[in-house]
Amino acid sequence: MARSLDGVDFEDASQLAPSCALDESGLRLQRERYRVAGQRGRVIERTARSLAVDLDHGVDVELVGEAIAVERECCPFFGLTWEPDRWRLSVSVSQEEYEPALAAIAFALGVDKRDRQQPL
């Protein structure tokens, strides 16, 4: 069964990011990359248009790099910053229409329901 946040079905990528270029298989792989990367991370900032998460120091940096590379290709509207020296991943959008896509990233990382500064 698909999970939803704010009435958005996270199995349907077209509802999250109308310009996302990933197919169903690619979306599934990308969600898994985020799920693994987000384990034991901490939300540092979360607004409607920005998300910053300090990832666990044991996270596979190549996995994070791959997730970012895929995201830049499929969803160029995201602002993505990876600071490996701080283990910080930051994602932002500049327009309201892309806020559901940012919510989907938080959801995939597993931080959609967590408070700031709380361990995941």
N, C-alpha and C. Protein backbone atom coordinates (compact mmCIF):
# COMPACT_ATOMS: atom_id res chain seq x y z
N MET A 1 0.84 -1.18 0.00
CA MET A 1 0.00 0.00 0.00
C MET A 1 0.89 1.25 0.00
N ALA A 2 0.53 2.22 -0.79
CA ALA A 2 1.30 3.45 -0.89
C ALA A 2 1.12 4.29 0.36
N ARG A 3 2.19 4.93 0.80
CA ARG A 3 2.10 5.86 1.92
C ARG A 3 1.81 7.23 1.35
N SER A 4 1.20 8.08 2.15
CA SER A 4 0.91 9.43 1.67
C SER A 4 1.27 10.45 2.74
N LEU A 5 1.49 11.65 2.28
CA LEU A 5 1.78 12.77 3.16
C LEU A 5 1.00 13.96 2.61
N ASP A 6 0.22 14.59 3.44
CA ASP A 6 -0.59 15.72 3.02
C ASP A 6 -1.46 15.37 1.82
N GLY A 7 -1.97 14.13 1.78
CA GLY A 7 -2.86 13.71 0.71
C GLY A 7 -2.19 13.36 -0.59
N VAL A 8 -0.86 13.34 -0.62
CA VAL A 8 -0.13 13.01 -1.84
C VAL A 8 0.34 11.57 -1.75
N ASP A 9 0.04 10.79 -2.77
CA ASP A 9 0.45 9.39 -2.85
C ASP A 9 1.90 9.34 -3.30
N PHE A 10 2.78 8.83 -2.45
CA PHE A 10 4.21 8.84 -2.77
C PHE A 10 4.62 7.72 -3.71
N GLU A 11 3.67 6.93 -4.19
CA GLU A 11 3.98 5.95 -5.22
C GLU A 11 3.79 6.57 -6.60
N ASP A 12 3.13 7.71 -6.68
CA ASP A 12 2.85 8.35 -7.96
C ASP A 12 3.74 9.57 -8.14
N ALA A 13 4.85 9.38 -8.84
CA ALA A 13 5.83 10.45 -9.01
C ALA A 13 5.27 11.64 -9.75
N SER A 14 4.30 11.43 -10.63
CA SER A 14 3.76 12.54 -11.41
C SER A 14 3.05 13.55 -10.52
N GLN A 15 2.53 13.12 -9.36
CA GLN A 15 1.90 14.05 -8.44
C GLN A 15 2.93 14.82 -7.64
N LEU A 16 4.11 14.28 -7.51
CA LEU A 16 5.13 14.90 -6.68
C LEU A 16 5.95 15.92 -7.46
N ALA A 17 6.34 15.55 -8.64
CA ALA A 17 7.19 16.40 -9.45
C ALA A 17 6.79 16.23 -10.91
N PRO A 18 5.94 17.10 -11.40
CA PRO A 18 5.43 16.94 -12.75
C PRO A 18 6.52 16.84 -13.83
N SER A 19 7.70 17.38 -13.55
CA SER A 19 8.75 17.33 -14.56
C SER A 19 9.81 16.27 -14.27
N CYS A 20 9.55 15.38 -13.32
CA CYS A 20 10.51 14.32 -12.99
C CYS A 20 10.63 13.36 -14.17
N ALA A 21 11.87 13.02 -14.52
CA ALA A 21 12.13 12.17 -15.67
C ALA A 21 12.30 10.70 -15.32
N LEU A 22 12.19 10.33 -14.05
CA LEU A 22 12.38 8.93 -13.66
C LEU A 22 11.16 8.09 -14.00
N ASP A 23 11.41 6.88 -14.48
CA ASP A 23 10.32 5.92 -14.65
C ASP A 23 10.07 5.23 -13.31
N GLU A 24 9.12 4.32 -13.29
CA GLU A 24 8.75 3.66 -12.03
C GLU A 24 9.93 2.93 -11.39
N SER A 25 10.70 2.23 -12.19
CA SER A 25 11.86 1.49 -11.68
C SER A 25 12.92 2.45 -11.13
N GLY A 26 13.19 3.51 -11.87
CA GLY A 26 14.16 4.50 -11.44
C GLY A 26 13.74 5.20 -10.16
N LEU A 27 12.45 5.48 -10.05
CA LEU A 27 11.92 6.11 -8.85
C LEU A 27 12.07 5.19 -7.64
N ARG A 28 11.80 3.92 -7.84
CA ARG A 28 11.95 2.95 -6.75
C ARG A 28 13.40 2.88 -6.27
N LEU A 29 14.34 2.85 -7.21
CA LEU A 29 15.77 2.82 -6.85
C LEU A 29 16.18 4.10 -6.12
N GLN A 30 15.69 5.23 -6.59
CA GLN A 30 16.05 6.50 -5.95
C GLN A 30 15.48 6.58 -4.54
N ARG A 31 14.25 6.14 -4.37
CA ARG A 31 13.67 6.12 -3.00
C ARG A 31 14.50 5.25 -2.08
N GLU A 32 14.99 4.12 -2.58
CA GLU A 32 15.80 3.22 -1.76
C GLU A 32 17.13 3.89 -1.40
N ARG A 33 17.75 4.62 -2.33
CA ARG A 33 18.99 5.33 -2.02
C ARG A 33 18.75 6.31 -0.86
N TYR A 34 17.67 7.07 -0.96
CA TYR A 34 17.36 8.03 0.10
C TYR A 34 17.04 7.33 1.42
N ARG A 35 16.32 6.21 1.36
CA ARG A 35 15.98 5.49 2.58
C ARG A 35 17.24 5.05 3.31
N VAL A 36 18.19 4.49 2.59
CA VAL A 36 19.44 4.04 3.19
C VAL A 36 20.25 5.23 3.70
N ALA A 37 20.35 6.27 2.89
CA ALA A 37 21.14 7.45 3.28
C ALA A 37 20.57 8.16 4.51
N GLY A 38 19.24 8.15 4.66
CA GLY A 38 18.61 8.88 5.75
C GLY A 38 18.61 8.19 7.09
N GLN A 39 19.00 6.93 7.12
CA GLN A 39 18.99 6.20 8.39
C GLN A 39 19.91 6.88 9.40
N ARG A 40 19.40 7.10 10.58
CA ARG A 40 20.13 7.70 11.70
C ARG A 40 20.63 9.12 11.41
N GLY A 41 20.00 9.80 10.49
CA GLY A 41 20.35 11.19 10.25
C GLY A 41 19.59 12.10 11.20
N ARG A 42 19.91 13.40 11.15
CA ARG A 42 19.23 14.39 12.00
C ARG A 42 18.78 15.55 11.14
N VAL A 43 17.53 15.94 11.31
CA VAL A 43 17.01 17.11 10.61
C VAL A 43 17.60 18.35 11.26
N ILE A 44 18.24 19.18 10.47
CA ILE A 44 18.82 20.43 10.96
C ILE A 44 17.90 21.60 10.64
N GLU A 45 17.28 21.55 9.46
CA GLU A 45 16.35 22.60 9.04
C GLU A 45 15.27 21.97 8.19
N ARG A 46 14.03 22.41 8.40
CA ARG A 46 12.94 21.95 7.55
C ARG A 46 11.93 23.06 7.42
N THR A 47 11.77 23.56 6.21
CA THR A 47 10.73 24.52 5.89
C THR A 47 9.99 23.97 4.67
N ALA A 48 8.99 24.68 4.21
CA ALA A 48 8.25 24.23 3.03
C ALA A 48 9.15 24.14 1.80
N ARG A 49 10.21 24.95 1.78
CA ARG A 49 11.07 24.98 0.59
C ARG A 49 12.51 24.58 0.83
N SER A 50 12.83 24.12 2.02
CA SER A 50 14.22 23.68 2.26
C SER A 50 14.27 22.56 3.29
N LEU A 51 15.29 21.76 3.14
CA LEU A 51 15.53 20.64 4.04
C LEU A 51 17.03 20.47 4.17
N ALA A 52 17.52 20.40 5.40
CA ALA A 52 18.93 20.10 5.66
C ALA A 52 18.98 18.97 6.67
N VAL A 53 19.74 17.93 6.33
CA VAL A 53 19.85 16.75 7.17
C VAL A 53 21.32 16.42 7.35
N ASP A 54 21.74 16.24 8.59
CA ASP A 54 23.07 15.71 8.87
C ASP A 54 22.96 14.20 8.84
N LEU A 55 23.61 13.58 7.87
CA LEU A 55 23.55 12.14 7.72
C LEU A 55 24.51 11.46 8.69
N ASP A 56 24.24 10.20 8.95
CA ASP A 56 25.09 9.41 9.82
C ASP A 56 26.49 9.33 9.23
N HIS A 57 27.51 9.37 10.07
CA HIS A 57 28.90 9.36 9.59
C HIS A 57 29.28 8.04 8.93
N GLY A 58 28.46 7.02 9.08
CA GLY A 58 28.72 5.74 8.43
C GLY A 58 28.04 5.59 7.09
N VAL A 59 27.34 6.65 6.64
CA VAL A 59 26.62 6.56 5.37
C VAL A 59 27.62 6.37 4.22
N ASP A 60 27.21 5.63 3.23
CA ASP A 60 28.02 5.39 2.04
C ASP A 60 28.02 6.67 1.19
N VAL A 61 29.15 7.37 1.15
CA VAL A 61 29.22 8.65 0.43
C VAL A 61 29.00 8.46 -1.06
N GLU A 62 29.36 7.31 -1.59
CA GLU A 62 29.10 7.05 -3.01
C GLU A 62 27.61 6.94 -3.28
N LEU A 63 26.88 6.35 -2.35
CA LEU A 63 25.42 6.25 -2.46
C LEU A 63 24.80 7.64 -2.47
N VAL A 64 25.26 8.51 -1.58
CA VAL A 64 24.75 9.88 -1.53
C VAL A 64 25.08 10.60 -2.84
N GLY A 65 26.31 10.44 -3.30
CA GLY A 65 26.70 11.05 -4.57
C GLY A 65 25.86 10.57 -5.73
N GLU A 66 25.55 9.29 -5.75
CA GLU A 66 24.71 8.73 -6.81
C GLU A 66 23.29 9.30 -6.74
N ALA A 67 22.74 9.38 -5.52
CA ALA A 67 21.40 9.94 -5.36
C ALA A 67 21.35 11.38 -5.86
N ILE A 68 22.36 12.16 -5.55
CA ILE A 68 22.41 13.56 -5.99
C ILE A 68 22.54 13.64 -7.51
N ALA A 69 23.41 12.82 -8.08
CA ALA A 69 23.59 12.83 -9.54
C ALA A 69 22.29 12.47 -10.26
N VAL A 70 21.60 11.46 -9.77
CA VAL A 70 20.32 11.06 -10.38
C VAL A 70 19.31 12.20 -10.24
N GLU A 71 19.25 12.79 -9.05
CA GLU A 71 18.29 13.86 -8.81
C GLU A 71 18.54 15.06 -9.72
N ARG A 72 19.79 15.40 -9.92
CA ARG A 72 20.11 16.55 -10.79
C ARG A 72 19.68 16.29 -12.22
N GLU A 73 19.75 15.04 -12.64
CA GLU A 73 19.34 14.69 -14.00
C GLU A 73 17.82 14.67 -14.16
N CYS A 74 17.12 14.09 -13.18
CA CYS A 74 15.68 13.89 -13.34
C CYS A 74 14.85 15.08 -12.87
N CYS A 75 15.36 15.83 -11.92
CA CYS A 75 14.58 16.93 -11.32
C CYS A 75 15.48 18.16 -11.13
N PRO A 76 15.80 18.85 -12.23
CA PRO A 76 16.74 19.97 -12.14
C PRO A 76 16.24 21.17 -11.33
N PHE A 77 14.98 21.16 -10.93
CA PHE A 77 14.44 22.26 -10.13
C PHE A 77 14.93 22.21 -8.68
N PHE A 78 15.51 21.08 -8.25
CA PHE A 78 16.03 20.99 -6.89
C PHE A 78 17.37 21.71 -6.78
N GLY A 79 17.55 22.43 -5.68
CA GLY A 79 18.86 22.92 -5.29
C GLY A 79 19.44 21.86 -4.36
N LEU A 80 20.57 21.27 -4.73
CA LEU A 80 21.16 20.17 -3.96
C LEU A 80 22.57 20.51 -3.55
N THR A 81 22.86 20.33 -2.27
CA THR A 81 24.21 20.55 -1.76
C THR A 81 24.58 19.39 -0.87
N TRP A 82 25.74 18.80 -1.11
CA TRP A 82 26.27 17.72 -0.28
C TRP A 82 27.60 18.20 0.27
N GLU A 83 27.69 18.30 1.59
CA GLU A 83 28.91 18.71 2.27
C GLU A 83 29.46 17.48 3.00
N PRO A 84 30.28 16.67 2.33
CA PRO A 84 30.75 15.43 2.95
C PRO A 84 31.59 15.64 4.20
N ASP A 85 32.27 16.78 4.31
CA ASP A 85 33.07 17.04 5.51
C ASP A 85 32.18 17.27 6.73
N ARG A 86 30.93 17.69 6.51
CA ARG A 86 29.96 17.89 7.59
C ARG A 86 28.87 16.83 7.58
N TRP A 87 28.87 15.95 6.59
CA TRP A 87 27.87 14.91 6.41
C TRP A 87 26.48 15.51 6.22
N ARG A 88 26.43 16.72 5.63
CA ARG A 88 25.15 17.44 5.50
C ARG A 88 24.64 17.42 4.06
N LEU A 89 23.40 17.00 3.93
CA LEU A 89 22.69 17.05 2.66
C LEU A 89 21.61 18.11 2.77
N SER A 90 21.63 19.06 1.83
CA SER A 90 20.63 20.12 1.80
C SER A 90 19.91 20.07 0.46
N VAL A 91 18.60 20.21 0.53
CA VAL A 91 17.76 20.18 -0.67
C VAL A 91 16.79 21.34 -0.56
N SER A 92 16.59 22.04 -1.68
CA SER A 92 15.66 23.17 -1.66
C SER A 92 14.94 23.27 -3.00
N VAL A 93 13.84 24.00 -2.97
CA VAL A 93 13.10 24.35 -4.17
C VAL A 93 12.80 25.84 -4.10
N SER A 94 12.65 26.47 -5.25
CA SER A 94 12.43 27.91 -5.25
C SER A 94 10.99 28.30 -5.55
N GLN A 95 10.17 27.32 -5.95
CA GLN A 95 8.78 27.62 -6.29
C GLN A 95 7.81 26.73 -5.52
N GLU A 96 6.67 27.29 -5.19
CA GLU A 96 5.65 26.57 -4.42
C GLU A 96 5.22 25.28 -5.11
N GLU A 97 5.15 25.27 -6.42
CA GLU A 97 4.69 24.08 -7.14
C GLU A 97 5.58 22.86 -6.91
N TYR A 98 6.83 23.07 -6.47
CA TYR A 98 7.74 21.96 -6.23
C TYR A 98 7.85 21.55 -4.76
N GLU A 99 7.09 22.21 -3.90
CA GLU A 99 7.11 21.84 -2.47
C GLU A 99 6.73 20.39 -2.23
N PRO A 100 5.73 19.81 -2.95
CA PRO A 100 5.45 18.39 -2.75
C PRO A 100 6.64 17.49 -3.10
N ALA A 101 7.42 17.87 -4.08
CA ALA A 101 8.61 17.09 -4.44
C ALA A 101 9.63 17.12 -3.31
N LEU A 102 9.78 18.27 -2.66
CA LEU A 102 10.68 18.36 -1.51
C LEU A 102 10.15 17.51 -0.36
N ALA A 103 8.83 17.54 -0.16
CA ALA A 103 8.23 16.70 0.87
C ALA A 103 8.50 15.23 0.58
N ALA A 104 8.53 14.87 -0.69
CA ALA A 104 8.82 13.48 -1.07
C ALA A 104 10.25 13.10 -0.72
N ILE A 105 11.19 14.03 -0.85
CA ILE A 105 12.58 13.76 -0.47
C ILE A 105 12.64 13.52 1.05
N ALA A 106 11.99 14.38 1.82
CA ALA A 106 11.96 14.21 3.28
C ALA A 106 11.34 12.87 3.63
N PHE A 107 10.27 12.52 2.95
CA PHE A 107 9.59 11.26 3.16
C PHE A 107 10.52 10.08 2.87
N ALA A 108 11.21 10.14 1.72
CA ALA A 108 12.11 9.06 1.33
C ALA A 108 13.29 8.92 2.29
N LEU A 109 13.78 10.04 2.81
CA LEU A 109 14.87 10.01 3.79
C LEU A 109 14.39 9.50 5.15
N GLY A 110 13.07 9.49 5.35
CA GLY A 110 12.52 9.05 6.62
C GLY A 110 12.44 10.16 7.65
N VAL A 111 12.53 11.40 7.22
CA VAL A 111 12.54 12.53 8.16
C VAL A 111 11.27 13.36 8.09
N ASP A 112 10.27 12.90 7.35
CA ASP A 112 9.05 13.67 7.17
C ASP A 112 8.25 13.88 8.44
N LYS A 113 8.40 12.99 9.40
CA LYS A 113 7.62 13.08 10.65
C LYS A 113 8.47 13.41 11.86
N ARG A 114 9.73 13.71 11.65
CA ARG A 114 10.64 13.91 12.79
C ARG A 114 10.88 15.38 13.05
N ASP A 115 11.11 15.71 14.29
CA ASP A 115 11.42 17.08 14.68
C ASP A 115 12.86 17.42 14.38
N ARG A 116 13.15 18.69 14.29
CA ARG A 116 14.52 19.16 14.11
C ARG A 116 15.41 18.66 15.24
N GLN A 117 16.64 18.35 14.88
CA GLN A 117 17.68 17.97 15.83
C GLN A 117 17.41 16.63 16.53
N GLN A 118 16.43 15.87 16.06
CA GLN A 118 16.15 14.57 16.67
C GLN A 118 16.83 13.47 15.87
N PRO A 119 17.44 12.49 16.53
CA PRO A 119 18.03 11.36 15.81
C PRO A 119 16.96 10.61 15.05
N LEU A 120 17.34 10.11 13.89
CA LEU A 120 16.38 9.33 13.09
C LEU A 120 16.42 7.89 13.50
